[in-house]
Amino acid sequence: MQLKLKGLTLKGKNRVKENGEVWRVEIDGSFQGIPAWLVSCGKDKRWVFKENDPDFEIIELAPLNF
């Protein structure tokens, strides 16, 4: 699955600018007890909360294109 992300904070905007807006979901789980996805784009990996992430807005969920 892929996520299309929009940066909300300076940190989020910089990550999207550096890596692009489409990120691949590596793990569907939780981070700090909150439902989240571990996403990757290039060499960058990070946890994104499924709801109310402080740095990113999830624009779109899409299946992987092979």
PDB file of N, CA and C in Angstrom:
ATOM      1  N   MET A   1       0.848  -1.170   0.000  1.00  0.00           N
ATOM      2  CA  MET A   1       0.000   0.000   0.000  1.00  0.00           C
ATOM      3  C   MET A   1       0.895   1.233   0.000  1.00  0.00           C
ATOM      4  N   GLN A   2       0.413   2.300  -0.583  1.00  0.00           N
ATOM      5  CA  GLN A   2       1.130   3.565  -0.612  1.00  0.00           C
ATOM      6  C   GLN A   2       0.279   4.656   0.019  1.00  0.00           C
ATOM      7  N   LEU A   3       0.961   5.638   0.587  1.00  0.00           N
ATOM      8  CA  LEU A   3       0.301   6.821   1.134  1.00  0.00           C
ATOM      9  C   LEU A   3       0.797   8.044   0.381  1.00  0.00           C
ATOM     10  N   LYS A   4      -0.095   8.953   0.131  1.00  0.00           N
ATOM     11  CA  LYS A   4       0.282  10.252  -0.402  1.00  0.00           C
ATOM     12  C   LYS A   4       0.183  11.220   0.768  1.00  0.00           C
ATOM     13  N   LEU A   5       1.310  11.853   1.107  1.00  0.00           N
ATOM     14  CA  LEU A   5       1.382  12.701   2.291  1.00  0.00           C
ATOM     15  C   LEU A   5       1.550  14.170   1.927  1.00  0.00           C
ATOM     16  N   LYS A   6       0.989  15.014   2.770  1.00  0.00           N
ATOM     17  CA  LYS A   6       1.163  16.459   2.670  1.00  0.00           C
ATOM     18  C   LYS A   6       1.773  16.921   3.988  1.00  0.00           C
ATOM     19  N   GLY A   7       2.833  17.695   3.930  1.00  0.00           N
ATOM     20  CA  GLY A   7       3.465  18.206   5.137  1.00  0.00           C
ATOM     21  C   GLY A   7       2.633  19.305   5.779  1.00  0.00           C
ATOM     22  N   LEU A   8       2.457  19.218   7.089  1.00  0.00           N
ATOM     23  CA  LEU A   8       1.712  20.239   7.834  1.00  0.00           C
ATOM     24  C   LEU A   8       2.645  21.187   8.576  1.00  0.00           C
ATOM     25  N   THR A   9       3.714  20.634   9.130  1.00  0.00           N
ATOM     26  CA  THR A   9       4.693  21.429   9.875  1.00  0.00           C
ATOM     27  C   THR A   9       5.932  21.615   9.007  1.00  0.00           C
ATOM     28  N   LEU A  10       6.866  22.436   9.454  1.00  0.00           N
ATOM     29  CA  LEU A  10       8.115  22.614   8.719  1.00  0.00           C
ATOM     30  C   LEU A  10       8.828  21.270   8.543  1.00  0.00           C
ATOM     31  N   LYS A  11       8.836  20.463   9.602  1.00  0.00           N
ATOM     32  CA  LYS A  11       9.461  19.137   9.538  1.00  0.00           C
ATOM     33  C   LYS A  11       8.786  18.277   8.463  1.00  0.00           C
ATOM     34  N   GLY A  12       7.464  18.232   8.471  1.00  0.00           N
ATOM     35  CA  GLY A  12       6.731  17.436   7.494  1.00  0.00           C
ATOM     36  C   GLY A  12       6.921  17.953   6.075  1.00  0.00           C
ATOM     37  N   LYS A  13       6.881  19.264   5.913  1.00  0.00           N
ATOM     38  CA  LYS A  13       7.066  19.857   4.584  1.00  0.00           C
ATOM     39  C   LYS A  13       8.461  19.565   4.044  1.00  0.00           C
ATOM     40  N   ASN A  14       9.474  19.608   4.908  1.00  0.00           N
ATOM     41  CA  ASN A  14      10.842  19.300   4.475  1.00  0.00           C
ATOM     42  C   ASN A  14      10.971  17.842   4.041  1.00  0.00           C
ATOM     43  N   ARG A  15      10.335  16.913   4.770  1.00  0.00           N
ATOM     44  CA  ARG A  15      10.414  15.499   4.398  1.00  0.00           C
ATOM     45  C   ARG A  15       9.764  15.242   3.042  1.00  0.00           C
ATOM     46  N   VAL A  16       8.621  15.885   2.795  1.00  0.00           N
ATOM     47  CA  VAL A  16       7.944  15.736   1.507  1.00  0.00           C
ATOM     48  C   VAL A  16       8.789  16.370   0.398  1.00  0.00           C
ATOM     49  N   LYS A  17       9.384  17.516   0.683  1.00  0.00           N
ATOM     50  CA  LYS A  17      10.229  18.181  -0.312  1.00  0.00           C
ATOM     51  C   LYS A  17      11.450  17.320  -0.651  1.00  0.00           C
ATOM     52  N   GLU A  18      12.058  16.683   0.356  1.00  0.00           N
ATOM     53  CA  GLU A  18      13.258  15.871   0.158  1.00  0.00           C
ATOM     54  C   GLU A  18      12.963  14.537  -0.523  1.00  0.00           C
ATOM     55  N   ASN A  19      11.814  13.922  -0.179  1.00  0.00           N
ATOM     56  CA  ASN A  19      11.559  12.541  -0.598  1.00  0.00           C
ATOM     57  C   ASN A  19      10.365  12.353  -1.526  1.00  0.00           C
ATOM     58  N   GLY A  20       9.556  13.366  -1.689  1.00  0.00           N
ATOM     59  CA  GLY A  20       8.357  13.236  -2.505  1.00  0.00           C
ATOM     60  C   GLY A  20       7.145  12.964  -1.635  1.00  0.00           C
ATOM     61  N   GLU A  21       5.983  13.009  -2.248  1.00  0.00           N
ATOM     62  CA  GLU A  21       4.746  12.886  -1.481  1.00  0.00           C
ATOM     63  C   GLU A  21       4.210  11.462  -1.407  1.00  0.00           C
ATOM     64  N   VAL A  22       4.724  10.532  -2.212  1.00  0.00           N
ATOM     65  CA  VAL A  22       4.236   9.153  -2.197  1.00  0.00           C
ATOM     66  C   VAL A  22       5.208   8.283  -1.398  1.00  0.00           C
ATOM     67  N   TRP A  23       4.677   7.627  -0.363  1.00  0.00           N
ATOM     68  CA  TRP A  23       5.473   6.799   0.541  1.00  0.00           C
ATOM     69  C   TRP A  23       4.897   5.390   0.572  1.00  0.00           C
ATOM     70  N   ARG A  24       5.750   4.395   0.705  1.00  0.00           N
ATOM     71  CA  ARG A  24       5.339   2.994   0.758  1.00  0.00           C
ATOM     72  C   ARG A  24       5.148   2.570   2.211  1.00  0.00           C
ATOM     73  N   VAL A  25       4.044   1.885   2.487  1.00  0.00           N
ATOM     74  CA  VAL A  25       3.785   1.364   3.835  1.00  0.00           C
ATOM     75  C   VAL A  25       4.584   0.078   4.023  1.00  0.00           C
ATOM     76  N   GLU A  26       5.478   0.072   5.007  1.00  0.00           N
ATOM     77  CA  GLU A  26       6.294  -1.104   5.325  1.00  0.00           C
ATOM     78  C   GLU A  26       5.619  -1.961   6.397  1.00  0.00           C
ATOM     79  N   ILE A  27       5.075  -1.317   7.426  1.00  0.00           N
ATOM     80  CA  ILE A  27       4.462  -2.025   8.553  1.00  0.00           C
ATOM     81  C   ILE A  27       3.169  -1.316   8.934  1.00  0.00           C
ATOM     82  N   ASP A  28       2.120  -2.096   9.135  1.00  0.00           N
ATOM     83  CA  ASP A  28       0.852  -1.585   9.671  1.00  0.00           C
ATOM     84  C   ASP A  28       0.825  -2.013  11.132  1.00  0.00           C
ATOM     85  N   GLY A  29       0.995  -1.073  12.044  1.00  0.00           N
ATOM     86  CA  GLY A  29       1.090  -1.428  13.459  1.00  0.00           C
ATOM     87  C   GLY A  29       0.742  -0.251  14.351  1.00  0.00           C
ATOM     88  N   SER A  30       1.595  -0.030  15.353  1.00  0.00           N
ATOM     89  CA  SER A  30       1.381   1.100  16.244  1.00  0.00           C
ATOM     90  C   SER A  30       2.727   1.665  16.681  1.00  0.00           C
ATOM     91  N   PHE A  31       2.713   2.943  17.023  1.00  0.00           N
ATOM     92  CA  PHE A  31       3.884   3.647  17.513  1.00  0.00           C
ATOM     93  C   PHE A  31       3.456   4.397  18.759  1.00  0.00           C
ATOM     94  N   GLN A  32       4.148   4.175  19.854  1.00  0.00           N
ATOM     95  CA  GLN A  32       3.811   4.770  21.143  1.00  0.00           C
ATOM     96  C   GLN A  32       2.356   4.468  21.516  1.00  0.00           C
ATOM     97  N   GLY A  33       1.890   3.273  21.152  1.00  0.00           N
ATOM     98  CA  GLY A  33       0.541   2.835  21.496  1.00  0.00           C
ATOM     99  C   GLY A  33      -0.561   3.425  20.628  1.00  0.00           C
ATOM    100  N   ILE A  34      -0.189   4.146  19.571  1.00  0.00           N
ATOM    101  CA  ILE A  34      -1.167   4.779  18.684  1.00  0.00           C
ATOM    102  C   ILE A  34      -1.099   4.081  17.326  1.00  0.00           C
ATOM    103  N   PRO A  35      -2.249   3.722  16.725  1.00  0.00           N
ATOM    104  CA  PRO A  35      -2.231   3.080  15.409  1.00  0.00           C
ATOM    105  C   PRO A  35      -1.464   3.931  14.390  1.00  0.00           C
ATOM    106  N   ALA A  36      -0.525   3.282  13.688  1.00  0.00           N
ATOM    107  CA  ALA A  36       0.340   4.010  12.765  1.00  0.00           C
ATOM    108  C   ALA A  36       0.867   3.081  11.680  1.00  0.00           C
ATOM    109  N   TRP A  37       1.445   3.680  10.662  1.00  0.00           N
ATOM    110  CA  TRP A  37       2.145   2.946   9.609  1.00  0.00           C
ATOM    111  C   TRP A  37       3.611   3.348   9.641  1.00  0.00           C
ATOM    112  N   LEU A  38       4.510   2.371   9.445  1.00  0.00           N
ATOM    113  CA  LEU A  38       5.911   2.672   9.192  1.00  0.00           C
ATOM    114  C   LEU A  38       6.018   2.826   7.683  1.00  0.00           C
ATOM    115  N   VAL A  39       6.379   4.020   7.241  1.00  0.00           N
ATOM    116  CA  VAL A  39       6.444   4.296   5.814  1.00  0.00           C
ATOM    117  C   VAL A  39       7.883   4.572   5.409  1.00  0.00           C
ATOM    118  N   SER A  40       8.180   4.316   4.131  1.00  0.00           N
ATOM    119  CA  SER A  40       9.519   4.577   3.623  1.00  0.00           C
ATOM    120  C   SER A  40       9.432   5.258   2.270  1.00  0.00           C
ATOM    121  N   CYS A  41      10.459   6.044   2.006  1.00  0.00           N
ATOM    122  CA  CYS A  41      10.609   6.713   0.726  1.00  0.00           C
ATOM    123  C   CYS A  41      12.102   6.946   0.563  1.00  0.00           C
ATOM    124  N   GLY A  42      12.703   6.252  -0.372  1.00  0.00           N
ATOM    125  CA  GLY A  42      14.157   6.334  -0.504  1.00  0.00           C
ATOM    126  C   GLY A  42      14.800   5.733   0.731  1.00  0.00           C
ATOM    127  N   LYS A  43      15.720   6.456   1.343  1.00  0.00           N
ATOM    128  CA  LYS A  43      16.406   5.978   2.549  1.00  0.00           C
ATOM    129  C   LYS A  43      15.680   6.380   3.827  1.00  0.00           C
ATOM    130  N   ASP A  44      14.675   7.231   3.715  1.00  0.00           N
ATOM    131  CA  ASP A  44      13.970   7.757   4.880  1.00  0.00           C
ATOM    132  C   ASP A  44      12.834   6.820   5.293  1.00  0.00           C
ATOM    133  N   LYS A  45      12.765   6.512   6.578  1.00  0.00           N
ATOM    134  CA  LYS A  45      11.662   5.739   7.158  1.00  0.00           C
ATOM    135  C   LYS A  45      11.143   6.490   8.366  1.00  0.00           C
ATOM    136  N   ARG A  46       9.835   6.432   8.561  1.00  0.00           N
ATOM    137  CA  ARG A  46       9.250   7.090   9.728  1.00  0.00           C
ATOM    138  C   ARG A  46       7.876   6.529  10.004  1.00  0.00           C
ATOM    139  N   TRP A  47       7.425   6.718  11.238  1.00  0.00           N
ATOM    140  CA  TRP A  47       6.078   6.334  11.631  1.00  0.00           C
ATOM    141  C   TRP A  47       5.141   7.493  11.351  1.00  0.00           C
ATOM    142  N   VAL A  48       3.989   7.189  10.769  1.00  0.00           N
ATOM    143  CA  VAL A  48       2.948   8.183  10.520  1.00  0.00           C
ATOM    144  C   VAL A  48       1.680   7.673  11.187  1.00  0.00           C
ATOM    145  N   PHE A  49       1.128   8.475  12.093  1.00  0.00           N
ATOM    146  CA  PHE A  49      -0.115   8.085  12.758  1.00  0.00           C
ATOM    147  C   PHE A  49      -1.251   8.024  11.751  1.00  0.00           C
ATOM    148  N   LYS A  50      -2.125   7.037  11.907  1.00  0.00           N
ATOM    149  CA  LYS A  50      -3.245   6.867  10.985  1.00  0.00           C
ATOM    150  C   LYS A  50      -4.237   8.019  11.083  1.00  0.00           C
ATOM    151  N   GLU A  51      -4.332   8.627  12.249  1.00  0.00           N
ATOM    152  CA  GLU A  51      -5.213   9.776  12.452  1.00  0.00           C
ATOM    153  C   GLU A  51      -4.477  10.829  13.276  1.00  0.00           C
ATOM    154  N   ASN A  52      -4.668  12.069  12.931  1.00  0.00           N
ATOM    155  CA  ASN A  52      -4.133  13.207  13.689  1.00  0.00           C
ATOM    156  C   ASN A  52      -2.617  13.200  13.837  1.00  0.00           C
ATOM    157  N   ASP A  53      -1.894  12.869  12.772  1.00  0.00           N
ATOM    158  CA  ASP A  53      -0.437  12.953  12.826  1.00  0.00           C
ATOM    159  C   ASP A  53      -0.045  14.429  12.911  1.00  0.00           C
ATOM    160  N   PRO A  54       0.906  14.770  13.797  1.00  0.00           N
ATOM    161  CA  PRO A  54       1.257  16.180  13.964  1.00  0.00           C
ATOM    162  C   PRO A  54       2.011  16.781  12.777  1.00  0.00           C
ATOM    163  N   ASP A  55       2.700  15.952  11.973  1.00  0.00           N
ATOM    164  CA  ASP A  55       3.549  16.464  10.897  1.00  0.00           C
ATOM    165  C   ASP A  55       2.983  16.278   9.495  1.00  0.00           C
ATOM    166  N   PHE A  56       2.062  15.300   9.319  1.00  0.00           N
ATOM    167  CA  PHE A  56       1.587  14.971   7.982  1.00  0.00           C
ATOM    168  C   PHE A  56       0.071  14.833   7.929  1.00  0.00           C
ATOM    169  N   GLU A  57      -0.483  15.167   6.773  1.00  0.00           N
ATOM    170  CA  GLU A  57      -1.871  14.865   6.461  1.00  0.00           C
ATOM    171  C   GLU A  57      -1.847  13.773   5.400  1.00  0.00           C
ATOM    172  N   ILE A  58      -2.636  12.725   5.605  1.00  0.00           N
ATOM    173  CA  ILE A  58      -2.716  11.648   4.623  1.00  0.00           C
ATOM    174  C   ILE A  58      -3.736  12.059   3.573  1.00  0.00           C
ATOM    175  N   ILE A  59      -3.270  12.229   2.348  1.00  0.00           N
ATOM    176  CA  ILE A  59      -4.116  12.691   1.256  1.00  0.00           C
ATOM    177  C   ILE A  59      -4.839  11.518   0.595  1.00  0.00           C
ATOM    178  N   GLU A  60      -4.137  10.403   0.456  1.00  0.00           N
ATOM    179  CA  GLU A  60      -4.685   9.304  -0.329  1.00  0.00           C
ATOM    180  C   GLU A  60      -4.046   7.987   0.082  1.00  0.00           C
ATOM    181  N   LEU A  61      -4.840   6.933   0.104  1.00  0.00           N
ATOM    182  CA  LEU A  61      -4.348   5.573   0.267  1.00  0.00           C
ATOM    183  C   LEU A  61      -4.467   4.903  -1.083  1.00  0.00           C
ATOM    184  N   ALA A  62      -3.439   4.189  -1.505  1.00  0.00           N
ATOM    185  CA  ALA A  62      -3.480   3.534  -2.811  1.00  0.00           C
ATOM    186  C   ALA A  62      -2.727   2.212  -2.741  1.00  0.00           C
ATOM    187  N   PRO A  63      -3.174   1.205  -3.503  1.00  0.00           N
ATOM    188  CA  PRO A  63      -2.433  -0.052  -3.560  1.00  0.00           C
ATOM    189  C   PRO A  63      -1.106   0.181  -4.282  1.00  0.00           C
ATOM    190  N   LEU A  64      -0.154  -0.724  -4.027  1.00  0.00           N
ATOM    191  CA  LEU A  64       1.147  -0.627  -4.713  1.00  0.00           C
ATOM    192  C   LEU A  64       0.971  -0.869  -6.192  1.00  0.00           C
ATOM    193  N   ASN A  65       1.692  -0.144  -6.989  1.00  0.00           N
ATOM    194  CA  ASN A  65       1.684  -0.338  -8.442  1.00  0.00           C
ATOM    195  C   ASN A  65       2.915  -1.123  -8.830  1.00  0.00           C
ATOM    196  N   PHE A  66       2.706  -2.359  -9.274  1.00  0.00           N
ATOM    197  CA  PHE A  66       3.853  -3.178  -9.711  1.00  0.00           C
ATOM    198  C   PHE A  66       3.887  -3.270 -11.199  1.00  0.00           C
TER     199      PHE A  66
END
